[in-house]
Amino acid sequence: MKKLIRSFGYAFKGVAYATTSQLNFRIHLGATLTAVIMGFVLHISTGEWQWVAISIALVLVTEIFNTMIETLVDLVSPGYNEKAGHIKDMSAGAVVIAALFALITGLMIFLPKLLLLINHAA
């Protein structure tokens, strides 16, 4: 049981490292907070919550993997290496794809509700 608890400690340490060292991770956490608050305010459905949760998890996990890959590439290839650059670029590209998926998902869920709210208020 001690090993299990210790492994969770290491996991939380990794998330804390990503939070404190990576600006983009903090930006994604801010977007997460915004999406969760909007979800409560706009009373999204259970199915919509599932899509929001999947989007949040996908972006945060991808951002952590990006950080891992960039750190590892820097460790094994501290000097300039064209292939190392391609690896880092593709890793960042994966985050962009996940973030675009989250943005499109968020627009599909929140935009109609916001428009309805604006039209109702007008």
PDB file of N, CA and C in Angstrom:
ATOM      1  N   MET A   1       0.839  -1.201   0.000  1.00  0.00           N
ATOM      2  CA  MET A   1       0.000   0.000   0.000  1.00  0.00           C
ATOM      3  C   MET A   1       0.878   1.258   0.000  1.00  0.00           C
ATOM      4  N   LYS A   2       2.022   1.176   0.693  1.00  0.00           N
ATOM      5  CA  LYS A   2       2.932   2.318   0.731  1.00  0.00           C
ATOM      6  C   LYS A   2       3.437   2.677  -0.668  1.00  0.00           C
ATOM      7  N   LYS A   3       3.736   1.624  -1.456  1.00  0.00           N
ATOM      8  CA  LYS A   3       4.218   1.852  -2.820  1.00  0.00           C
ATOM      9  C   LYS A   3       3.167   2.558  -3.670  1.00  0.00           C
ATOM     10  N   LEU A   4       1.908   2.141  -3.511  1.00  0.00           N
ATOM     11  CA  LEU A   4       0.821   2.743  -4.264  1.00  0.00           C
ATOM     12  C   LEU A   4       0.669   4.218  -3.915  1.00  0.00           C
ATOM     13  N   ILE A   5       0.678   4.506  -2.638  1.00  0.00           N
ATOM     14  CA  ILE A   5       0.553   5.894  -2.183  1.00  0.00           C
ATOM     15  C   ILE A   5       1.734   6.722  -2.683  1.00  0.00           C
ATOM     16  N   ARG A   6       2.930   6.142  -2.623  1.00  0.00           N
ATOM     17  CA  ARG A   6       4.135   6.834  -3.095  1.00  0.00           C
ATOM     18  C   ARG A   6       4.035   7.115  -4.599  1.00  0.00           C
ATOM     19  N   SER A   7       3.483   6.161  -5.360  1.00  0.00           N
ATOM     20  CA  SER A   7       3.379   6.358  -6.806  1.00  0.00           C
ATOM     21  C   SER A   7       2.425   7.507  -7.128  1.00  0.00           C
ATOM     22  N   PHE A   8       1.351   7.651  -6.350  1.00  0.00           N
ATOM     23  CA  PHE A   8       0.460   8.801  -6.543  1.00  0.00           C
ATOM     24  C   PHE A   8       1.188  10.097  -6.213  1.00  0.00           C
ATOM     25  N   GLY A   9       2.043  10.054  -5.209  1.00  0.00           N
ATOM     26  CA  GLY A   9       2.842  11.233  -4.858  1.00  0.00           C
ATOM     27  C   GLY A   9       3.732  11.659  -6.008  1.00  0.00           C
ATOM     28  N   TYR A  10       4.376  10.684  -6.660  1.00  0.00           N
ATOM     29  CA  TYR A  10       5.212  11.000  -7.821  1.00  0.00           C
ATOM     30  C   TYR A  10       4.376  11.579  -8.955  1.00  0.00           C
ATOM     31  N   ALA A  11       3.186  11.020  -9.165  1.00  0.00           N
ATOM     32  CA  ALA A  11       2.306  11.513 -10.223  1.00  0.00           C
ATOM     33  C   ALA A  11       1.908  12.967  -9.964  1.00  0.00           C
ATOM     34  N   PHE A  12       1.517  13.262  -8.727  1.00  0.00           N
ATOM     35  CA  PHE A  12       1.137  14.640  -8.395  1.00  0.00           C
ATOM     36  C   PHE A  12       2.331  15.574  -8.477  1.00  0.00           C
ATOM     37  N   LYS A  13       3.518  15.059  -8.168  1.00  0.00           N
ATOM     38  CA  LYS A  13       4.747  15.841  -8.303  1.00  0.00           C
ATOM     39  C   LYS A  13       4.972  16.199  -9.770  1.00  0.00           C
ATOM     40  N   GLY A  14       4.689  15.259 -10.670  1.00  0.00           N
ATOM     41  CA  GLY A  14       4.817  15.515 -12.105  1.00  0.00           C
ATOM     42  C   GLY A  14       3.839  16.572 -12.585  1.00  0.00           C
ATOM     43  N   VAL A  15       2.600  16.487 -12.124  1.00  0.00           N
ATOM     44  CA  VAL A  15       1.600  17.495 -12.495  1.00  0.00           C
ATOM     45  C   VAL A  15       1.998  18.858 -11.931  1.00  0.00           C
ATOM     46  N   ALA A  16       2.505  18.867 -10.707  1.00  0.00           N
ATOM     47  CA  ALA A  16       2.960  20.127 -10.100  1.00  0.00           C
ATOM     48  C   ALA A  16       4.117  20.718 -10.899  1.00  0.00           C
ATOM     49  N   TYR A  17       5.047  19.864 -11.344  1.00  0.00           N
ATOM     50  CA  TYR A  17       6.172  20.344 -12.156  1.00  0.00           C
ATOM     51  C   TYR A  17       5.657  20.975 -13.448  1.00  0.00           C
ATOM     52  N   ALA A  18       4.732  20.293 -14.117  1.00  0.00           N
ATOM     53  CA  ALA A  18       4.172  20.832 -15.362  1.00  0.00           C
ATOM     54  C   ALA A  18       3.487  22.173 -15.096  1.00  0.00           C
ATOM     55  N   THR A  19       2.775  22.251 -13.986  1.00  0.00           N
ATOM     56  CA  THR A  19       2.056  23.486 -13.655  1.00  0.00           C
ATOM     57  C   THR A  19       3.014  24.641 -13.373  1.00  0.00           C
ATOM     58  N   THR A  20       4.065  24.366 -12.617  1.00  0.00           N
ATOM     59  CA  THR A  20       4.976  25.448 -12.231  1.00  0.00           C
ATOM     60  C   THR A  20       5.969  25.819 -13.319  1.00  0.00           C
ATOM     61  N   SER A  21       6.291  24.884 -14.202  1.00  0.00           N
ATOM     62  CA  SER A  21       7.361  25.150 -15.172  1.00  0.00           C
ATOM     63  C   SER A  21       6.859  25.450 -16.586  1.00  0.00           C
ATOM     64  N   GLN A  22       5.609  25.139 -16.888  1.00  0.00           N
ATOM     65  CA  GLN A  22       5.125  25.255 -18.265  1.00  0.00           C
ATOM     66  C   GLN A  22       3.985  26.262 -18.377  1.00  0.00           C
ATOM     67  N   LEU A  23       4.267  27.385 -19.009  1.00  0.00           N
ATOM     68  CA  LEU A  23       3.253  28.422 -19.198  1.00  0.00           C
ATOM     69  C   LEU A  23       2.036  27.883 -19.946  1.00  0.00           C
ATOM     70  N   ASN A  24       2.280  27.111 -21.000  1.00  0.00           N
ATOM     71  CA  ASN A  24       1.148  26.589 -21.779  1.00  0.00           C
ATOM     72  C   ASN A  24       0.251  25.677 -20.946  1.00  0.00           C
ATOM     73  N   PHE A  25       0.836  24.907 -20.036  1.00  0.00           N
ATOM     74  CA  PHE A  25       0.030  24.052 -19.166  1.00  0.00           C
ATOM     75  C   PHE A  25      -0.863  24.910 -18.276  1.00  0.00           C
ATOM     76  N   ARG A  26      -0.316  26.003 -17.764  1.00  0.00           N
ATOM     77  CA  ARG A  26      -1.133  26.912 -16.936  1.00  0.00           C
ATOM     78  C   ARG A  26      -2.235  27.566 -17.764  1.00  0.00           C
ATOM     79  N   ILE A  27      -1.936  27.897 -19.012  1.00  0.00           N
ATOM     80  CA  ILE A  27      -2.968  28.456 -19.895  1.00  0.00           C
ATOM     81  C   ILE A  27      -4.087  27.438 -20.098  1.00  0.00           C
ATOM     82  N   HIS A  28      -3.711  26.174 -20.322  1.00  0.00           N
ATOM     83  CA  HIS A  28      -4.719  25.125 -20.490  1.00  0.00           C
ATOM     84  C   HIS A  28      -5.520  24.915 -19.205  1.00  0.00           C
ATOM     85  N   LEU A  29      -4.881  25.052 -18.063  1.00  0.00           N
ATOM     86  CA  LEU A  29      -5.616  24.951 -16.791  1.00  0.00           C
ATOM     87  C   LEU A  29      -6.613  26.103 -16.659  1.00  0.00           C
ATOM     88  N   GLY A  30      -6.230  27.287 -17.117  1.00  0.00           N
ATOM     89  CA  GLY A  30      -7.150  28.426 -17.113  1.00  0.00           C
ATOM     90  C   GLY A  30      -8.342  28.172 -18.032  1.00  0.00           C
ATOM     91  N   ALA A  31      -8.073  27.605 -19.202  1.00  0.00           N
ATOM     92  CA  ALA A  31      -9.158  27.261 -20.117  1.00  0.00           C
ATOM     93  C   ALA A  31     -10.054  26.187 -19.504  1.00  0.00           C
ATOM     94  N   THR A  32      -9.441  25.252 -18.780  1.00  0.00           N
ATOM     95  CA  THR A  32     -10.211  24.213 -18.085  1.00  0.00           C
ATOM     96  C   THR A  32     -11.160  24.841 -17.079  1.00  0.00           C
ATOM     97  N   LEU A  33     -10.642  25.743 -16.263  1.00  0.00           N
ATOM     98  CA  LEU A  33     -11.469  26.415 -15.257  1.00  0.00           C
ATOM     99  C   LEU A  33     -12.611  27.181 -15.924  1.00  0.00           C
ATOM    100  N   THR A  34     -12.309  27.862 -17.010  1.00  0.00           N
ATOM    101  CA  THR A  34     -13.335  28.610 -17.744  1.00  0.00           C
ATOM    102  C   THR A  34     -14.429  27.673 -18.266  1.00  0.00           C
ATOM    103  N   ALA A  35     -14.015  26.538 -18.857  1.00  0.00           N
ATOM    104  CA  ALA A  35     -14.985  25.587 -19.404  1.00  0.00           C
ATOM    105  C   ALA A  35     -15.860  24.990 -18.300  1.00  0.00           C
ATOM    106  N   VAL A  36     -15.256  24.673 -17.168  1.00  0.00           N
ATOM    107  CA  VAL A  36     -16.024  24.088 -16.064  1.00  0.00           C
ATOM    108  C   VAL A  36     -17.021  25.106 -15.508  1.00  0.00           C
ATOM    109  N   ILE A  37     -16.583  26.331 -15.320  1.00  0.00           N
ATOM    110  CA  ILE A  37     -17.497  27.375 -14.827  1.00  0.00           C
ATOM    111  C   ILE A  37     -18.639  27.593 -15.818  1.00  0.00           C
ATOM    112  N   MET A  38     -18.301  27.683 -17.114  1.00  0.00           N
ATOM    113  CA  MET A  38     -19.347  27.862 -18.126  1.00  0.00           C
ATOM    114  C   MET A  38     -20.298  26.673 -18.151  1.00  0.00           C
ATOM    115  N   GLY A  39     -19.771  25.484 -17.940  1.00  0.00           N
ATOM    116  CA  GLY A  39     -20.611  24.292 -17.915  1.00  0.00           C
ATOM    117  C   GLY A  39     -21.648  24.362 -16.814  1.00  0.00           C
ATOM    118  N   PHE A  40     -21.226  24.829 -15.631  1.00  0.00           N
ATOM    119  CA  PHE A  40     -22.175  24.964 -14.521  1.00  0.00           C
ATOM    120  C   PHE A  40     -23.164  26.097 -14.765  1.00  0.00           C
ATOM    121  N   VAL A  41     -22.662  27.223 -15.236  1.00  0.00           N
ATOM    122  CA  VAL A  41     -23.527  28.384 -15.465  1.00  0.00           C
ATOM    123  C   VAL A  41     -24.567  28.094 -16.549  1.00  0.00           C
ATOM    124  N   LEU A  42     -24.151  27.399 -17.609  1.00  0.00           N
ATOM    125  CA  LEU A  42     -25.051  27.142 -18.738  1.00  0.00           C
ATOM    126  C   LEU A  42     -25.801  25.819 -18.618  1.00  0.00           C
ATOM    127  N   HIS A  43     -25.600  25.126 -17.507  1.00  0.00           N
ATOM    128  CA  HIS A  43     -26.318  23.872 -17.227  1.00  0.00           C
ATOM    129  C   HIS A  43     -26.212  22.873 -18.385  1.00  0.00           C
ATOM    130  N   ILE A  44     -24.989  22.549 -18.770  1.00  0.00           N
ATOM    131  CA  ILE A  44     -24.826  21.599 -19.870  1.00  0.00           C
ATOM    132  C   ILE A  44     -25.242  20.198 -19.414  1.00  0.00           C
ATOM    133  N   SER A  45     -25.596  19.375 -20.385  1.00  0.00           N
ATOM    134  CA  SER A  45     -26.102  18.031 -20.094  1.00  0.00           C
ATOM    135  C   SER A  45     -24.954  17.085 -19.716  1.00  0.00           C
ATOM    136  N   THR A  46     -25.324  15.911 -19.229  1.00  0.00           N
ATOM    137  CA  THR A  46     -24.327  14.898 -18.868  1.00  0.00           C
ATOM    138  C   THR A  46     -23.478  14.519 -20.079  1.00  0.00           C
ATOM    139  N   GLY A  47     -24.108  14.334 -21.221  1.00  0.00           N
ATOM    140  CA  GLY A  47     -23.370  14.014 -22.440  1.00  0.00           C
ATOM    141  C   GLY A  47     -22.401  15.122 -22.835  1.00  0.00           C
ATOM    142  N   GLU A  48     -22.846  16.363 -22.679  1.00  0.00           N
ATOM    143  CA  GLU A  48     -21.971  17.497 -22.980  1.00  0.00           C
ATOM    144  C   GLU A  48     -20.802  17.552 -21.992  1.00  0.00           C
ATOM    145  N   TRP A  49     -21.078  17.246 -20.720  1.00  0.00           N
ATOM    146  CA  TRP A  49     -20.004  17.192 -19.721  1.00  0.00           C
ATOM    147  C   TRP A  49     -18.966  16.150 -20.104  1.00  0.00           C
ATOM    148  N   GLN A  50     -19.439  15.033 -20.637  1.00  0.00           N
ATOM    149  CA  GLN A  50     -18.491  13.984 -21.049  1.00  0.00           C
ATOM    150  C   GLN A  50     -17.556  14.495 -22.138  1.00  0.00           C
ATOM    151  N   TRP A  51     -18.091  15.203 -23.123  1.00  0.00           N
ATOM    152  CA  TRP A  51     -17.251  15.753 -24.184  1.00  0.00           C
ATOM    153  C   TRP A  51     -16.296  16.801 -23.644  1.00  0.00           C
ATOM    154  N   VAL A  52     -16.772  17.633 -22.724  1.00  0.00           N
ATOM    155  CA  VAL A  52     -15.901  18.645 -22.117  1.00  0.00           C
ATOM    156  C   VAL A  52     -14.780  17.954 -21.328  1.00  0.00           C
ATOM    157  N   ALA A  53     -15.121  16.942 -20.549  1.00  0.00           N
ATOM    158  CA  ALA A  53     -14.121  16.223 -19.759  1.00  0.00           C
ATOM    159  C   ALA A  53     -13.085  15.528 -20.644  1.00  0.00           C
ATOM    160  N   ILE A  54     -13.548  14.895 -21.731  1.00  0.00           N
ATOM    161  CA  ILE A  54     -12.622  14.249 -22.668  1.00  0.00           C
ATOM    162  C   ILE A  54     -11.688  15.290 -23.284  1.00  0.00           C
ATOM    163  N   SER A  55     -12.242  16.420 -23.652  1.00  0.00           N
ATOM    164  CA  SER A  55     -11.426  17.482 -24.260  1.00  0.00           C
ATOM    165  C   SER A  55     -10.377  17.992 -23.283  1.00  0.00           C
ATOM    166  N   ILE A  56     -10.791  18.227 -22.056  1.00  0.00           N
ATOM    167  CA  ILE A  56      -9.861  18.711 -21.035  1.00  0.00           C
ATOM    168  C   ILE A  56      -8.749  17.690 -20.807  1.00  0.00           C
ATOM    169  N   ALA A  57      -9.115  16.445 -20.610  1.00  0.00           N
ATOM    170  CA  ALA A  57      -8.121  15.397 -20.359  1.00  0.00           C
ATOM    171  C   ALA A  57      -7.164  15.268 -21.538  1.00  0.00           C
ATOM    172  N   LEU A  58      -7.702  15.277 -22.752  1.00  0.00           N
ATOM    173  CA  LEU A  58      -6.867  15.128 -23.939  1.00  0.00           C
ATOM    174  C   LEU A  58      -5.834  16.245 -24.036  1.00  0.00           C
ATOM    175  N   VAL A  59      -6.259  17.467 -23.817  1.00  0.00           N
ATOM    176  CA  VAL A  59      -5.335  18.602 -23.926  1.00  0.00           C
ATOM    177  C   VAL A  59      -4.284  18.554 -22.814  1.00  0.00           C
ATOM    178  N   LEU A  60      -4.707  18.316 -21.574  1.00  0.00           N
ATOM    179  CA  LEU A  60      -3.742  18.307 -20.465  1.00  0.00           C
ATOM    180  C   LEU A  60      -2.748  17.164 -20.596  1.00  0.00           C
ATOM    181  N   VAL A  61      -3.228  15.991 -20.952  1.00  0.00           N
ATOM    182  CA  VAL A  61      -2.327  14.841 -21.119  1.00  0.00           C
ATOM    183  C   VAL A  61      -1.364  15.091 -22.279  1.00  0.00           C
ATOM    184  N   THR A  62      -1.876  15.619 -23.380  1.00  0.00           N
ATOM    185  CA  THR A  62      -1.016  15.892 -24.529  1.00  0.00           C
ATOM    186  C   THR A  62       0.038  16.932 -24.179  1.00  0.00           C
ATOM    187  N   GLU A  63      -0.344  17.935 -23.423  1.00  0.00           N
ATOM    188  CA  GLU A  63       0.618  18.967 -23.010  1.00  0.00           C
ATOM    189  C   GLU A  63       1.696  18.371 -22.107  1.00  0.00           C
ATOM    190  N   ILE A  64       1.319  17.481 -21.209  1.00  0.00           N
ATOM    191  CA  ILE A  64       2.323  16.828 -20.352  1.00  0.00           C
ATOM    192  C   ILE A  64       3.240  15.949 -21.201  1.00  0.00           C
ATOM    193  N   PHE A  65       2.679  15.195 -22.154  1.00  0.00           N
ATOM    194  CA  PHE A  65       3.522  14.384 -23.039  1.00  0.00           C
ATOM    195  C   PHE A  65       4.462  15.266 -23.854  1.00  0.00           C
ATOM    196  N   ASN A  66       3.983  16.413 -24.305  1.00  0.00           N
ATOM    197  CA  ASN A  66       4.829  17.348 -25.037  1.00  0.00           C
ATOM    198  C   ASN A  66       6.003  17.786 -24.169  1.00  0.00           C
ATOM    199  N   THR A  67       5.731  18.123 -22.927  1.00  0.00           N
ATOM    200  CA  THR A  67       6.789  18.527 -22.003  1.00  0.00           C
ATOM    201  C   THR A  67       7.781  17.383 -21.783  1.00  0.00           C
ATOM    202  N   MET A  68       7.248  16.165 -21.613  1.00  0.00           N
ATOM    203  CA  MET A  68       8.120  15.005 -21.423  1.00  0.00           C
ATOM    204  C   MET A  68       9.032  14.810 -22.628  1.00  0.00           C
ATOM    205  N   ILE A  69       8.470  14.859 -23.813  1.00  0.00           N
ATOM    206  CA  ILE A  69       9.241  14.621 -25.031  1.00  0.00           C
ATOM    207  C   ILE A  69      10.290  15.714 -25.222  1.00  0.00           C
ATOM    208  N   GLU A  70       9.896  16.955 -25.023  1.00  0.00           N
ATOM    209  CA  GLU A  70      10.858  18.050 -25.184  1.00  0.00           C
ATOM    210  C   GLU A  70      11.995  17.942 -24.175  1.00  0.00           C
ATOM    211  N   THR A  71      11.680  17.582 -22.939  1.00  0.00           N
ATOM    212  CA  THR A  71      12.708  17.424 -21.909  1.00  0.00           C
ATOM    213  C   THR A  71      13.650  16.282 -22.260  1.00  0.00           C
ATOM    214  N   LEU A  72      13.103  15.172 -22.699  1.00  0.00           N
ATOM    215  CA  LEU A  72      13.921  14.018 -23.067  1.00  0.00           C
ATOM    216  C   LEU A  72      14.800  14.323 -24.277  1.00  0.00           C
ATOM    217  N   VAL A  73      14.242  15.003 -25.280  1.00  0.00           N
ATOM    218  CA  VAL A  73      15.017  15.364 -26.463  1.00  0.00           C
ATOM    219  C   VAL A  73      16.165  16.290 -26.069  1.00  0.00           C
ATOM    220  N   ASP A  74      15.898  17.257 -25.207  1.00  0.00           N
ATOM    221  CA  ASP A  74      16.953  18.159 -24.748  1.00  0.00           C
ATOM    222  C   ASP A  74      18.040  17.403 -23.979  1.00  0.00           C
ATOM    223  N   LEU A  75      17.647  16.375 -23.253  1.00  0.00           N
ATOM    224  CA  LEU A  75      18.600  15.578 -22.481  1.00  0.00           C
ATOM    225  C   LEU A  75      19.518  14.773 -23.399  1.00  0.00           C
ATOM    226  N   VAL A  76      18.941  14.111 -24.391  1.00  0.00           N
ATOM    227  CA  VAL A  76      19.746  13.234 -25.245  1.00  0.00           C
ATOM    228  C   VAL A  76      20.400  13.978 -26.409  1.00  0.00           C
ATOM    229  N   SER A  77      19.916  15.160 -26.712  1.00  0.00           N
ATOM    230  CA  SER A  77      20.479  15.929 -27.822  1.00  0.00           C
ATOM    231  C   SER A  77      20.577  17.398 -27.434  1.00  0.00           C
ATOM    232  N   PRO A  78      21.532  17.722 -26.540  1.00  0.00           N
ATOM    233  CA  PRO A  78      21.609  19.104 -26.047  1.00  0.00           C
ATOM    234  C   PRO A  78      22.001  20.119 -27.123  1.00  0.00           C
ATOM    235  N   GLY A  79      22.738  19.690 -28.124  1.00  0.00           N
ATOM    236  CA  GLY A  79      23.099  20.584 -29.224  1.00  0.00           C
ATOM    237  C   GLY A  79      22.035  20.551 -30.297  1.00  0.00           C
ATOM    238  N   TYR A  80      22.220  21.391 -31.317  1.00  0.00           N
ATOM    239  CA  TYR A  80      21.252  21.429 -32.408  1.00  0.00           C
ATOM    240  C   TYR A  80      21.290  20.117 -33.177  1.00  0.00           C
ATOM    241  N   ASN A  81      20.112  19.593 -33.449  1.00  0.00           N
ATOM    242  CA  ASN A  81      19.967  18.387 -34.250  1.00  0.00           C
ATOM    243  C   ASN A  81      18.656  18.524 -35.004  1.00  0.00           C
ATOM    244  N   GLU A  82      18.719  18.430 -36.312  1.00  0.00           N
ATOM    245  CA  GLU A  82      17.517  18.636 -37.126  1.00  0.00           C
ATOM    246  C   GLU A  82      16.410  17.641 -36.766  1.00  0.00           C
ATOM    247  N   LYS A  83      16.771  16.380 -36.565  1.00  0.00           N
ATOM    248  CA  LYS A  83      15.771  15.369 -36.230  1.00  0.00           C
ATOM    249  C   LYS A  83      15.164  15.650 -34.849  1.00  0.00           C
ATOM    250  N   ALA A  84      15.984  16.104 -33.922  1.00  0.00           N
ATOM    251  CA  ALA A  84      15.469  16.458 -32.594  1.00  0.00           C
ATOM    252  C   ALA A  84      14.461  17.601 -32.714  1.00  0.00           C
ATOM    253  N   GLY A  85      14.752  18.535 -33.596  1.00  0.00           N
ATOM    254  CA  GLY A  85      13.826  19.638 -33.831  1.00  0.00           C
ATOM    255  C   GLY A  85      12.503  19.162 -34.406  1.00  0.00           C
ATOM    256  N   HIS A  86      12.567  18.203 -35.325  1.00  0.00           N
ATOM    257  CA  HIS A  86      11.336  17.643 -35.901  1.00  0.00           C
ATOM    258  C   HIS A  86      10.502  16.951 -34.826  1.00  0.00           C
ATOM    259  N   ILE A  87      11.182  16.220 -33.951  1.00  0.00           N
ATOM    260  CA  ILE A  87      10.473  15.524 -32.867  1.00  0.00           C
ATOM    261  C   ILE A  87       9.751  16.528 -31.982  1.00  0.00           C
ATOM    262  N   LYS A  88      10.448  17.598 -31.609  1.00  0.00           N
ATOM    263  CA  LYS A  88       9.830  18.616 -30.747  1.00  0.00           C
ATOM    264  C   LYS A  88       8.680  19.317 -31.460  1.00  0.00           C
ATOM    265  N   ASP A  89       8.848  19.582 -32.758  1.00  0.00           N
ATOM    266  CA  ASP A  89       7.787  20.232 -33.527  1.00  0.00           C
ATOM    267  C   ASP A  89       6.545  19.341 -33.618  1.00  0.00           C
ATOM    268  N   MET A  90       6.751  18.043 -33.859  1.00  0.00           N
ATOM    269  CA  MET A  90       5.611  17.129 -33.940  1.00  0.00           C
ATOM    270  C   MET A  90       4.909  17.001 -32.591  1.00  0.00           C
ATOM    271  N   SER A  91       5.687  17.003 -31.524  1.00  0.00           N
ATOM    272  CA  SER A  91       5.101  16.927 -30.190  1.00  0.00           C
ATOM    273  C   SER A  91       4.227  18.156 -29.922  1.00  0.00           C
ATOM    274  N   ALA A  92       4.730  19.315 -30.290  1.00  0.00           N
ATOM    275  CA  ALA A  92       3.939  20.544 -30.139  1.00  0.00           C
ATOM    276  C   ALA A  92       2.716  20.516 -31.058  1.00  0.00           C
ATOM    277  N   GLY A  93       2.882  19.945 -32.238  1.00  0.00           N
ATOM    278  CA  GLY A  93       1.756  19.818 -33.166  1.00  0.00           C
ATOM    279  C   GLY A  93       0.639  18.970 -32.597  1.00  0.00           C
ATOM    280  N   ALA A  94       1.000  17.921 -31.856  1.00  0.00           N
ATOM    281  CA  ALA A  94      -0.017  17.075 -31.221  1.00  0.00           C
ATOM    282  C   ALA A  94      -0.846  17.888 -30.230  1.00  0.00           C
ATOM    283  N   VAL A  95      -0.198  18.795 -29.515  1.00  0.00           N
ATOM    284  CA  VAL A  95      -0.929  19.649 -28.570  1.00  0.00           C
ATOM    285  C   VAL A  95      -1.880  20.572 -29.328  1.00  0.00           C
ATOM    286  N   VAL A  96      -1.417  21.110 -30.432  1.00  0.00           N
ATOM    287  CA  VAL A  96      -2.270  22.002 -31.226  1.00  0.00           C
ATOM    288  C   VAL A  96      -3.507  21.254 -31.728  1.00  0.00           C
ATOM    289  N   ILE A  97      -3.314  20.028 -32.191  1.00  0.00           N
ATOM    290  CA  ILE A  97      -4.458  19.232 -32.664  1.00  0.00           C
ATOM    291  C   ILE A  97      -5.440  18.993 -31.523  1.00  0.00           C
ATOM    292  N   ALA A  98      -4.928  18.612 -30.350  1.00  0.00           N
ATOM    293  CA  ALA A  98      -5.810  18.379 -29.198  1.00  0.00           C
ATOM    294  C   ALA A  98      -6.528  19.664 -28.785  1.00  0.00           C
ATOM    295  N   ALA A  99      -5.806  20.780 -28.790  1.00  0.00           N
ATOM    296  CA  ALA A  99      -6.411  22.059 -28.401  1.00  0.00           C
ATOM    297  C   ALA A  99      -7.480  22.491 -29.408  1.00  0.00           C
ATOM    298  N   LEU A 100      -7.235  22.260 -30.693  1.00  0.00           N
ATOM    299  CA  LEU A 100      -8.255  22.587 -31.704  1.00  0.00           C
ATOM    300  C   LEU A 100      -9.489  21.720 -31.538  1.00  0.00           C
ATOM    301  N   PHE A 101      -9.279  20.443 -31.235  1.00  0.00           N
ATOM    302  CA  PHE A 101     -10.410  19.555 -30.965  1.00  0.00           C
ATOM    303  C   PHE A 101     -11.221  20.093 -29.779  1.00  0.00           C
ATOM    304  N   ALA A 102     -10.523  20.498 -28.718  1.00  0.00           N
ATOM    305  CA  ALA A 102     -11.203  21.035 -27.532  1.00  0.00           C
ATOM    306  C   ALA A 102     -11.937  22.333 -27.863  1.00  0.00           C
ATOM    307  N   LEU A 103     -11.313  23.187 -28.648  1.00  0.00           N
ATOM    308  CA  LEU A 103     -11.947  24.451 -29.024  1.00  0.00           C
ATOM    309  C   LEU A 103     -13.218  24.206 -29.837  1.00  0.00           C
ATOM    310  N   ILE A 104     -13.123  23.339 -30.826  1.00  0.00           N
ATOM    311  CA  ILE A 104     -14.304  23.035 -31.658  1.00  0.00           C
ATOM    312  C   ILE A 104     -15.405  22.399 -30.814  1.00  0.00           C
ATOM    313  N   THR A 105     -15.023  21.475 -29.941  1.00  0.00           N
ATOM    314  CA  THR A 105     -15.995  20.845 -29.047  1.00  0.00           C
ATOM    315  C   THR A 105     -16.657  21.892 -28.161  1.00  0.00           C
ATOM    316  N   GLY A 106     -15.845  22.774 -27.596  1.00  0.00           N
ATOM    317  CA  GLY A 106     -16.382  23.839 -26.741  1.00  0.00           C
ATOM    318  C   GLY A 106     -17.320  24.762 -27.491  1.00  0.00           C
ATOM    319  N   LEU A 107     -16.954  25.116 -28.720  1.00  0.00           N
ATOM    320  CA  LEU A 107     -17.829  25.980 -29.525  1.00  0.00           C
ATOM    321  C   LEU A 107     -19.156  25.290 -29.827  1.00  0.00           C
ATOM    322  N   MET A 108     -19.096  24.003 -30.139  1.00  0.00           N
ATOM    323  CA  MET A 108     -20.325  23.265 -30.445  1.00  0.00           C
ATOM    324  C   MET A 108     -21.249  23.179 -29.235  1.00  0.00           C
ATOM    325  N   ILE A 109     -20.674  23.090 -28.053  1.00  0.00           N
ATOM    326  CA  ILE A 109     -21.485  22.956 -26.841  1.00  0.00           C
ATOM    327  C   ILE A 109     -21.928  24.314 -26.315  1.00  0.00           C
ATOM    328  N   PHE A 110     -20.977  25.252 -26.206  1.00  0.00           N
ATOM    329  CA  PHE A 110     -21.269  26.503 -25.509  1.00  0.00           C
ATOM    330  C   PHE A 110     -21.845  27.602 -26.391  1.00  0.00           C
ATOM    331  N   LEU A 111     -21.438  27.673 -27.646  1.00  0.00           N
ATOM    332  CA  LEU A 111     -21.889  28.779 -28.496  1.00  0.00           C
ATOM    333  C   LEU A 111     -23.409  28.839 -28.658  1.00  0.00           C
ATOM    334  N   PRO A 112     -24.081  27.730 -28.972  1.00  0.00           N
ATOM    335  CA  PRO A 112     -25.545  27.824 -29.081  1.00  0.00           C
ATOM    336  C   PRO A 112     -26.210  28.286 -27.784  1.00  0.00           C
ATOM    337  N   LYS A 113     -25.694  27.827 -26.652  1.00  0.00           N
ATOM    338  CA  LYS A 113     -26.282  28.223 -25.368  1.00  0.00           C
ATOM    339  C   LYS A 113     -26.018  29.707 -25.085  1.00  0.00           C
ATOM    340  N   LEU A 114     -24.821  30.181 -25.432  1.00  0.00           N
ATOM    341  CA  LEU A 114     -24.523  31.598 -25.241  1.00  0.00           C
ATOM    342  C   LEU A 114     -25.363  32.483 -26.159  1.00  0.00           C
ATOM    343  N   LEU A 115     -25.520  32.057 -27.399  1.00  0.00           N
ATOM    344  CA  LEU A 115     -26.339  32.820 -28.339  1.00  0.00           C
ATOM    345  C   LEU A 115     -27.785  32.883 -27.884  1.00  0.00           C
ATOM    346  N   LEU A 116     -28.302  31.761 -27.378  1.00  0.00           N
ATOM    347  CA  LEU A 116     -29.654  31.717 -26.862  1.00  0.00           C
ATOM    348  C   LEU A 116     -29.797  32.673 -25.672  1.00  0.00           C
ATOM    349  N   LEU A 117     -28.805  32.667 -24.811  1.00  0.00           N
ATOM    350  CA  LEU A 117     -28.806  33.544 -23.640  1.00  0.00           C
ATOM    351  C   LEU A 117     -28.774  35.014 -24.051  1.00  0.00           C
ATOM    352  N   ILE A 118     -27.950  35.345 -25.055  1.00  0.00           N
ATOM    353  CA  ILE A 118     -27.847  36.717 -25.544  1.00  0.00           C
ATOM    354  C   ILE A 118     -29.154  37.141 -26.208  1.00  0.00           C
ATOM    355  N   ASN A 119     -29.718  36.266 -27.029  1.00  0.00           N
ATOM    356  CA  ASN A 119     -30.980  36.586 -27.705  1.00  0.00           C
ATOM    357  C   ASN A 119     -32.128  36.729 -26.707  1.00  0.00           C
ATOM    358  N   HIS A 120     -32.104  35.924 -25.667  1.00  0.00           N
ATOM    359  CA  HIS A 120     -33.140  35.983 -24.642  1.00  0.00           C
ATOM    360  C   HIS A 120     -33.028  37.290 -23.855  1.00  0.00           C
ATOM    361  N   ALA A 121     -31.807  37.740 -23.617  1.00  0.00           N
ATOM    362  CA  ALA A 121     -31.593  38.961 -22.849  1.00  0.00           C
ATOM    363  C   ALA A 121     -31.937  40.200 -23.686  1.00  0.00           C
ATOM    364  N   ALA A 122     -31.857  40.092 -24.994  1.00  0.00           N
ATOM    365  CA  ALA A 122     -32.097  41.256 -25.848  1.00  0.00           C
ATOM    366  C   ALA A 122     -33.539  41.591 -26.031  1.00  0.00           C
TER     367      ALA A 122
END
